[in-house]
Amino acid sequence: MDGSGVERVRLTPWSDGDFWLLRRANSPEMTEHLGGPESEERLADRQRRYVEPFAGRMYRISLADSGDSGDSAGSAGSGESVGSIGYWEREWRGATVWETGWAILPGFQGRGLAAAAARVLVDVVRQAGGHRALHAFPGVDHRASNGVCRKAGFTLLGQADFEYPKGHWIRSNDWFVDLSTGPAEDSGADSAPGRHDRPARRRE
């Protein structure tokens, strides 16, 4: 934690050893907005897809080491693992865009870690290039994840309906970052204490 009281995070590319994070996040509480827990077989398939190369990348979120100068992405640090975040391609309104989603383990929620990780990810995706837009699609009733989007500098474009998972339709907010410009100003968050960091969406 720095002098401003904001905890620092580090993003490390997903690896074979991170399967336990998927299992920890596969609880009814953590998957409330995602259609419920997945089977062990589906979790194993998700782990395989997270590790294999694809257009985008998944990351493990950890608390930054005390000697780190700020939020960052790169090689693993020694800080405690707290969750996951990533970005992937999706077709959206006639264009290919990046989409992001995140999850923070229950013991670390309510500390602003998802917003900190999302800010790092915006910089990572901007540097990676490929597409101009990064979107997040939390459910309209997912007050906490909508607050994370505000804190991370996303702009609310409107609403849209998604079938996620298959057979389960949800109304979502469409949050957007223009990667061709600098990050937006933090407009603050209207979110429920202790529930900031449950998953908004996850990569299929």
Protein backbone atom coordinates (compact mmCIF):
# COMPACT_ATOMS: atom_id res chain seq x y z
CA MET A 1 0.00 0.00 0.00
CA ASP A 2 1.32 3.46 -0.84
CA GLY A 3 0.83 6.77 0.93
CA SER A 4 -2.55 7.34 -0.70
CA GLY A 5 -3.96 4.23 0.99
CA VAL A 6 -4.53 2.43 -2.33
CA GLU A 7 -3.19 -1.12 -2.49
CA ARG A 8 -0.98 -2.02 -5.44
CA VAL A 9 -1.51 -5.07 -7.63
CA ARG A 10 0.53 -7.05 -10.12
CA LEU A 11 -0.72 -9.04 -13.12
CA THR A 12 1.09 -12.27 -14.02
CA PRO A 13 0.25 -14.36 -17.13
CA TRP A 14 -1.94 -17.37 -16.29
CA SER A 15 -0.05 -20.64 -15.78
CA ASP A 16 -0.61 -24.35 -15.09
CA GLY A 17 -0.28 -23.67 -11.37
CA ASP A 18 -3.23 -21.28 -11.24
CA PHE A 19 -6.03 -23.87 -11.51
CA TRP A 20 -6.71 -23.53 -7.78
CA LEU A 21 -7.89 -19.95 -8.39
CA LEU A 22 -10.59 -21.19 -10.76
CA ARG A 23 -11.73 -23.70 -8.14
CA ARG A 24 -11.79 -21.07 -5.39
CA ALA A 25 -13.86 -18.74 -7.57
CA ASN A 26 -16.33 -21.51 -8.50
CA SER A 27 -18.64 -21.01 -5.51
CA PRO A 28 -22.34 -20.06 -5.58
CA GLU A 29 -21.44 -16.67 -4.13
CA MET A 30 -18.76 -15.93 -6.73
CA THR A 31 -20.82 -17.18 -9.70
CA GLU A 32 -24.11 -15.55 -8.71
CA HIS A 33 -24.07 -13.33 -11.82
CA LEU A 34 -22.56 -16.00 -14.11
CA GLY A 35 -25.22 -18.69 -14.07
CA GLY A 36 -23.84 -20.65 -11.10
CA PRO A 37 -20.85 -22.94 -10.46
CA GLU A 38 -19.32 -25.05 -13.23
CA SER A 39 -18.55 -28.77 -13.14
CA GLU A 40 -14.99 -29.96 -12.53
CA GLU A 41 -14.82 -31.01 -16.19
CA ARG A 42 -15.77 -27.53 -17.38
CA LEU A 43 -13.29 -25.94 -14.98
CA ALA A 44 -10.51 -28.16 -16.33
CA ASP A 45 -11.47 -27.18 -19.88
CA ARG A 46 -11.44 -23.50 -18.89
CA GLN A 47 -7.99 -23.91 -17.34
CA ARG A 48 -6.72 -25.47 -20.57
CA ARG A 49 -8.08 -22.58 -22.63
CA TYR A 50 -6.64 -19.99 -20.24
CA VAL A 51 -3.15 -21.48 -20.58
CA GLU A 52 -3.18 -22.10 -24.34
CA PRO A 53 -2.31 -19.18 -26.65
CA PHE A 54 -5.33 -17.18 -27.81
CA ALA A 55 -6.15 -13.66 -28.99
CA GLY A 56 -5.84 -11.94 -25.62
CA ARG A 57 -4.55 -13.21 -22.29
CA MET A 58 -5.61 -14.20 -18.78
CA TYR A 59 -3.73 -13.02 -15.69
CA ARG A 60 -3.43 -13.91 -12.04
CA ILE A 61 -3.82 -10.84 -9.80
CA SER A 62 -1.52 -10.62 -6.80
CA LEU A 63 -0.74 -7.97 -4.23
CA ALA A 64 2.36 -6.06 -5.29
CA ASP A 65 5.61 -6.59 -3.37
CA SER A 66 6.41 -3.89 -0.85
CA GLY A 67 9.33 -2.72 -3.01
CA ASP A 68 7.22 -2.25 -6.17
CA SER A 69 6.78 1.35 -7.25
CA GLY A 70 3.25 0.86 -8.52
CA ASP A 71 0.69 -1.34 -10.24
CA SER A 72 2.26 -3.42 -13.00
CA ALA A 73 2.18 -6.48 -15.23
CA GLY A 74 4.98 -8.94 -15.90
CA SER A 75 6.82 -11.69 -14.09
CA ALA A 76 5.48 -13.13 -10.85
CA GLY A 77 6.04 -11.30 -7.60
CA SER A 78 5.89 -12.76 -4.10
CA GLY A 79 2.65 -10.98 -3.16
CA GLU A 80 -0.45 -12.99 -2.23
CA SER A 81 -2.69 -14.13 -5.09
CA VAL A 82 -6.12 -12.50 -4.89
CA GLY A 83 -7.94 -13.22 -8.16
CA SER A 84 -7.94 -13.14 -11.95
CA ILE A 85 -8.52 -10.77 -14.86
CA GLY A 86 -8.13 -11.04 -18.61
CA TYR A 87 -9.11 -9.86 -22.06
CA TRP A 88 -10.28 -11.65 -25.18
CA GLU A 89 -11.84 -10.97 -28.57
CA ARG A 90 -15.55 -10.76 -29.25
CA GLU A 91 -17.66 -9.58 -32.17
CA TRP A 92 -19.67 -6.56 -31.10
CA ARG A 93 -21.99 -4.48 -33.28
CA GLY A 94 -20.17 -5.16 -36.52
CA ALA A 95 -16.62 -4.88 -35.19
CA THR A 96 -14.05 -7.03 -33.38
CA VAL A 97 -13.33 -5.60 -29.93
CA TRP A 98 -11.61 -6.64 -26.73
CA GLU A 99 -13.73 -7.72 -23.75
CA THR A 100 -12.57 -7.93 -20.14
CA GLY A 101 -13.79 -9.62 -16.97
CA TRP A 102 -12.39 -10.23 -13.49
CA ALA A 103 -12.84 -12.06 -10.18
CA ILE A 104 -11.44 -11.31 -6.71
CA LEU A 105 -11.51 -13.98 -3.99
CA PRO A 106 -13.96 -13.29 -1.12
CA GLY A 107 -11.27 -12.64 1.48
CA PHE A 108 -9.89 -9.74 -0.57
CA GLN A 109 -13.08 -8.06 -1.75
CA GLY A 110 -14.00 -4.49 -0.89
CA ARG A 111 -10.41 -3.19 -1.10
CA GLY A 112 -10.45 -1.71 -4.61
CA LEU A 113 -8.28 -4.50 -6.05
CA ALA A 114 -10.50 -5.21 -9.07
CA ALA A 115 -10.45 -1.55 -10.11
CA ALA A 116 -6.68 -1.41 -9.64
CA ALA A 117 -6.24 -4.55 -11.76
CA ALA A 118 -8.58 -3.20 -14.44
CA ARG A 119 -6.56 0.01 -14.70
CA VAL A 120 -3.38 -2.04 -15.22
CA LEU A 121 -5.14 -4.19 -17.80
CA VAL A 122 -6.25 -1.14 -19.80
CA ASP A 123 -2.59 -0.15 -20.16
CA VAL A 124 -1.61 -3.73 -21.09
CA VAL A 125 -4.29 -3.97 -23.79
CA ARG A 126 -3.49 -0.51 -25.14
CA GLN A 127 0.17 -1.50 -25.54
CA ALA A 128 -0.74 -4.86 -27.10
CA GLY A 129 -2.80 -3.16 -29.81
CA GLY A 130 -4.97 -5.07 -32.25
CA HIS A 131 -8.32 -3.39 -31.59
CA ARG A 132 -9.39 0.10 -30.67
CA ALA A 133 -12.01 -0.70 -28.02
CA LEU A 134 -12.05 -2.55 -24.68
CA HIS A 135 -15.51 -3.37 -23.29
CA ALA A 136 -16.87 -4.78 -20.03
CA PHE A 137 -20.43 -6.10 -19.73
CA PRO A 138 -21.55 -6.45 -16.08
CA GLY A 139 -25.23 -7.10 -15.44
CA VAL A 140 -27.29 -3.98 -14.85
CA ASP A 141 -28.10 -5.23 -11.33
CA HIS A 142 -24.44 -6.00 -10.55
CA ARG A 143 -23.90 -2.71 -8.74
CA ALA A 144 -20.43 -3.59 -7.52
CA SER A 145 -18.90 -4.49 -10.89
CA ASN A 146 -20.45 -1.42 -12.46
CA GLY A 147 -18.66 0.56 -9.76
CA VAL A 148 -15.38 -1.14 -10.71
CA CYS A 149 -15.87 0.01 -14.30
CA ARG A 150 -16.35 3.61 -13.16
CA LYS A 151 -13.29 3.47 -10.92
CA ALA A 152 -11.20 2.02 -13.75
CA GLY A 153 -12.10 4.87 -16.11
CA PHE A 154 -14.61 3.13 -18.38
CA THR A 155 -17.45 5.09 -20.03
CA LEU A 156 -21.03 3.78 -19.94
CA LEU A 157 -22.45 3.49 -23.48
CA GLY A 158 -25.82 1.89 -22.78
CA GLN A 159 -27.41 -1.52 -22.23
CA ALA A 160 -27.56 -4.81 -24.14
CA ASP A 161 -28.96 -8.34 -23.72
CA PHE A 162 -26.59 -11.33 -23.54
CA GLU A 163 -27.16 -15.08 -23.44
CA TYR A 164 -24.65 -16.03 -20.76
CA PRO A 165 -24.21 -18.85 -20.12
CA LYS A 166 -26.21 -20.59 -22.87
CA GLY A 167 -29.91 -20.52 -22.06
CA HIS A 168 -29.57 -17.72 -19.48
CA TRP A 169 -30.34 -14.20 -20.72
CA ILE A 170 -29.15 -11.18 -18.78
CA ARG A 171 -29.42 -7.44 -19.26
CA SER A 172 -25.94 -5.89 -19.15
CA ASN A 173 -24.39 -2.46 -19.14
CA ASP A 174 -21.89 -1.78 -21.94
CA TRP A 175 -18.80 -0.06 -20.51
CA PHE A 176 -16.09 1.09 -22.92
CA VAL A 177 -12.52 2.37 -23.07
CA ASP A 178 -11.17 3.96 -26.27
CA LEU A 179 -7.67 2.48 -26.46
CA SER A 180 -6.55 5.08 -28.99
CA THR A 181 -6.65 7.77 -26.28
CA GLY A 182 -5.32 8.11 -22.76
CA PRO A 183 -7.22 6.73 -19.75
CA ALA A 184 -10.38 8.52 -18.70
CA GLU A 185 -10.62 10.40 -15.41
CA ASP A 186 -11.84 8.39 -12.41
CA SER A 187 -15.46 9.43 -11.86
CA GLY A 188 -15.81 7.56 -8.56
CA ALA A 189 -17.83 4.45 -7.81
CA ASP A 190 -21.33 3.81 -6.56
CA SER A 191 -20.87 0.33 -5.21
CA ALA A 192 -21.86 -1.83 -2.29
CA PRO A 193 -19.18 -2.26 0.42
CA GLY A 194 -17.60 -5.71 0.47
CA ARG A 195 -19.01 -6.77 -2.92
CA HIS A 196 -16.80 -4.83 -5.34
CA ASP A 197 -14.96 -7.68 -6.95
CA ARG A 198 -17.23 -10.55 -7.92
CA PRO A 199 -16.98 -11.61 -11.56
CA ALA A 200 -18.53 -9.36 -14.19
CA ARG A 201 -18.14 -11.96 -16.98
CA ARG A 202 -15.63 -14.66 -17.79
CA ARG A 203 -13.96 -15.74 -20.97
CA GLU A 204 -15.72 -18.57 -22.79
